[in-house]
Protein backbone atom coordinates (compact mmCIF):
# COMPACT_ATOMS: atom_id res chain seq x y z
CA MET A 1 -1.85 23.37 -64.88
CA LYS A 2 -0.54 24.88 -61.62
CA LEU A 3 -4.08 25.31 -60.34
CA LEU A 4 -4.90 21.67 -61.10
CA THR A 5 -1.75 20.47 -59.32
CA VAL A 6 -2.42 22.67 -56.28
CA SER A 7 -6.04 21.45 -56.15
CA ALA A 8 -4.98 17.80 -56.32
CA LEU A 9 -2.37 18.30 -53.59
CA LEU A 10 -4.82 20.17 -51.37
CA CYS A 11 -7.42 17.46 -51.87
CA ALA A 12 -4.89 14.73 -51.00
CA MET A 13 -3.78 16.65 -47.91
CA ILE A 14 -7.36 17.05 -46.70
CA ALA A 15 -8.08 13.37 -47.30
CA LEU A 16 -4.98 12.28 -45.41
CA THR A 17 -5.46 14.60 -42.44
CA THR A 18 -9.20 14.03 -41.97
CA ALA A 19 -9.42 10.31 -42.66
CA ALA A 20 -10.59 8.08 -39.84
CA ASN A 21 -8.39 5.33 -38.53
CA GLU A 22 -9.21 2.09 -40.25
CA VAL A 23 -9.86 -1.25 -38.62
CA GLY A 24 -7.77 -4.28 -39.45
CA LYS A 25 -4.82 -2.46 -40.97
CA ASP A 26 -2.85 -5.69 -40.96
CA GLY A 27 -5.71 -7.74 -42.41
CA SER A 28 -5.58 -9.98 -39.34
CA GLU A 29 -8.00 -12.86 -38.97
CA SER A 30 -9.55 -11.63 -35.78
CA ASN A 31 -11.61 -8.65 -34.81
CA PRO A 32 -10.39 -7.86 -31.28
CA GLN A 33 -12.94 -6.93 -28.62
CA GLY A 34 -13.87 -3.28 -28.83
CA GLU A 35 -12.54 -2.84 -32.36
CA HIS A 36 -15.10 -1.25 -34.66
CA LEU A 37 -15.28 -0.75 -38.37
CA VAL A 38 -14.90 2.94 -39.06
CA GLU A 39 -16.16 4.07 -42.40
CA LYS A 40 -13.46 5.85 -44.29
CA ARG A 41 -15.03 7.52 -47.26
CA SER A 42 -12.94 9.09 -49.95
CA THR A 43 -13.58 12.81 -50.09
CA CYS A 44 -11.49 13.63 -53.13
CA PHE A 45 -10.95 10.60 -55.29
CA ARG A 46 -14.17 10.20 -57.22
CA ASP A 47 -13.41 6.52 -57.91
CA PHE A 48 -13.89 5.61 -54.25
CA TRP A 49 -16.69 7.95 -53.22
CA GLY A 50 -19.17 5.96 -51.13
CA TRP A 51 -16.82 3.00 -50.65
CA THR A 52 -15.74 1.78 -47.19
CA LYS A 53 -12.11 0.80 -46.66
CA TYR A 54 -11.16 -2.27 -44.68
CA GLY A 55 -7.66 -3.72 -44.87
CA ASN A 56 -6.49 -3.56 -48.48
CA GLN A 57 -9.98 -3.36 -50.03
CA TYR A 58 -12.86 -0.96 -50.49
CA PHE A 59 -16.42 -2.31 -50.15
CA GLN A 60 -19.77 -0.95 -51.26
CA PHE A 61 -23.30 -2.31 -50.78
CA PHE A 62 -25.78 -2.11 -53.66
CA PRO A 63 -29.48 -2.64 -52.82
CA ASN A 64 -30.42 -3.61 -56.40
CA GLN A 65 -31.96 -7.09 -56.52
CA LEU A 66 -29.88 -8.84 -59.21
CA THR A 67 -28.83 -12.38 -60.07
CA TRP A 68 -25.30 -13.37 -59.07
CA ALA A 69 -23.98 -12.94 -62.63
CA GLN A 70 -25.73 -9.57 -63.06
CA ALA A 71 -24.29 -8.40 -59.74
CA GLN A 72 -20.78 -9.46 -60.81
CA ARG A 73 -21.17 -7.57 -64.11
CA HIS A 74 -22.29 -4.49 -62.17
CA CYS A 75 -19.18 -4.76 -59.97
CA GLN A 76 -16.94 -5.23 -63.02
CA ALA A 77 -18.33 -2.02 -64.52
CA LEU A 78 -16.91 -0.33 -61.39
CA ASN A 79 -13.49 -2.02 -61.75
CA ALA A 80 -14.47 -4.32 -58.88
CA ASN A 81 -15.73 -7.85 -58.19
CA LEU A 82 -18.30 -9.32 -55.87
CA ALA A 83 -16.67 -9.33 -52.44
CA SER A 84 -14.45 -12.19 -51.33
CA VAL A 85 -13.94 -13.00 -47.66
CA ARG A 86 -10.56 -14.08 -46.32
CA ASN A 87 -11.18 -13.99 -42.57
CA LEU A 88 -13.66 -13.25 -39.80
CA GLY A 89 -12.64 -9.58 -39.66
CA GLU A 90 -13.51 -9.10 -43.34
CA TYR A 91 -16.78 -10.98 -42.90
CA GLN A 92 -17.78 -8.66 -40.06
CA ALA A 93 -16.62 -5.59 -42.00
CA ILE A 94 -18.79 -6.60 -44.97
CA GLN A 95 -21.72 -7.20 -42.62
CA ARG A 96 -21.27 -3.66 -41.29
CA VAL A 97 -21.22 -2.27 -44.86
CA ILE A 98 -24.49 -4.14 -45.55
CA LEU A 99 -26.04 -2.93 -42.29
CA ASN A 100 -25.10 0.68 -43.07
CA GLY A 101 -26.50 0.42 -46.60
CA ALA A 102 -29.66 -1.58 -45.95
CA ARG A 103 -30.31 -0.67 -42.31
CA ASN A 104 -30.65 -4.42 -41.75
CA ASN A 105 -28.53 -7.56 -42.18
CA VAL A 106 -30.24 -8.69 -45.37
CA PRO A 107 -29.12 -11.78 -47.35
CA THR A 108 -26.57 -10.43 -49.83
CA TRP A 109 -24.54 -11.82 -52.74
CA ILE A 110 -20.78 -12.13 -52.33
CA GLY A 111 -18.30 -13.57 -54.81
CA GLY A 112 -18.19 -17.28 -53.97
CA SER A 113 -19.22 -19.97 -56.45
CA ASP A 114 -18.83 -23.68 -57.14
CA ALA A 115 -20.51 -23.53 -60.56
CA GLN A 116 -17.41 -24.81 -62.36
CA GLU A 117 -17.04 -27.93 -60.23
CA GLU A 118 -19.50 -29.02 -57.54
CA GLY A 119 -18.02 -28.74 -54.07
CA TYR A 120 -14.96 -26.76 -55.21
CA TRP A 121 -15.63 -23.21 -54.02
CA PHE A 122 -13.66 -20.25 -55.34
CA TRP A 123 -13.81 -16.47 -55.12
CA ILE A 124 -14.57 -14.62 -58.35
CA ASP A 125 -11.53 -12.35 -57.86
CA GLY A 126 -9.22 -15.38 -57.97
CA THR A 127 -8.24 -15.46 -54.29
CA ARG A 128 -8.18 -18.82 -52.50
CA PHE A 129 -11.32 -19.90 -50.67
CA THR A 130 -9.77 -20.28 -47.23
CA TYR A 131 -12.50 -18.86 -44.97
CA ALA A 132 -16.16 -19.77 -44.74
CA ASN A 133 -18.90 -19.09 -42.22
CA TRP A 134 -21.36 -21.69 -43.51
CA CYS A 135 -24.76 -22.09 -41.89
CA GLN A 136 -25.28 -25.48 -40.27
CA GLY A 137 -25.68 -28.15 -42.97
CA GLU A 138 -24.41 -25.88 -45.74
CA PRO A 139 -23.38 -25.96 -48.47
CA ASN A 140 -25.99 -28.56 -49.38
CA ASN A 141 -26.65 -27.95 -53.11
CA VAL A 142 -30.40 -28.59 -52.82
CA GLY A 143 -31.73 -29.87 -56.12
CA GLY A 144 -28.24 -29.77 -57.63
CA ARG A 145 -28.68 -26.09 -58.49
CA GLU A 146 -27.12 -24.15 -55.60
CA ASN A 147 -23.84 -22.87 -57.00
CA CYS A 148 -23.59 -19.29 -55.74
CA LEU A 149 -22.91 -17.85 -52.32
CA HIS A 150 -24.71 -15.29 -50.26
CA MET A 151 -24.22 -14.18 -46.66
CA ASN A 152 -26.45 -13.07 -43.77
CA TRP A 153 -28.70 -16.11 -44.22
CA THR A 154 -31.13 -16.81 -41.35
CA GLY A 155 -30.80 -15.31 -37.90
CA ASN A 156 -27.29 -16.73 -37.66
CA LEU A 157 -26.10 -14.35 -40.42
CA CYS A 158 -24.07 -17.14 -41.98
CA MET A 159 -23.19 -18.24 -45.53
CA ASN A 160 -25.52 -20.29 -47.72
CA ASP A 161 -25.34 -21.76 -51.21
CA ILE A 162 -28.30 -20.80 -53.36
CA PRO A 163 -29.27 -20.88 -57.07
CA CYS A 164 -27.38 -18.22 -59.03
CA ASN A 165 -30.58 -16.95 -60.66
CA ALA A 166 -32.04 -15.83 -57.31
CA ARG A 167 -32.12 -12.06 -56.85
CA TYR A 168 -30.37 -10.34 -53.98
CA PRO A 169 -28.56 -7.11 -53.18
CA PHE A 170 -24.77 -7.41 -53.33
CA VAL A 171 -21.42 -6.10 -52.12
CA CYS A 172 -18.63 -5.16 -54.52
CA ALA A 173 -14.97 -4.99 -53.50
CA ARG A 174 -12.06 -3.10 -55.02
CA LYS A 175 -8.42 -3.54 -54.15
CA VAL A 176 -6.61 -0.51 -52.78
CA ARG A 177 -4.36 1.11 -55.34
CA ARG A 178 -1.17 2.11 -53.56
CA SER A 179 -0.92 5.33 -55.58
CA LEU A 180 -4.13 6.60 -53.95
CA GLU A 181 -3.10 6.01 -50.37
């Protein structure tokens, strides 16, 4: 038991002393000039291995081409949800996670939907839909079937509504557990 305790403490100490400074510690709505997303990967806590911390969330890109519902189920299996976006800083942080994972800004599922009521957008994790970076003319619900949200659409890298049965890679988000910080 002593060895396990010492190992856990050593691991925590290493993680705390070698971790990179994070961007957007206050979760502010802007990304000041010169501020860069620094990947902060967990070295000891297996639950967050490969996840990138920004503000009070961890994000991870998955290249699997899934429907929106399949992607959400995949995230839930990891105690996460499809990513929600509360401000420009988070949007840019998620774009960086996608770029690092895909080596390109590919269209990617995030957790927005208006499937319950047309025109009423919500985030799958229950947070209020207060920020959007819609492409020009979006959301447009072409054919009455575009109820799910993806980002990095067109060269403008903006948000677009699209049918939920389309297949795209996705980003999951997990809230920071205070006990692990």
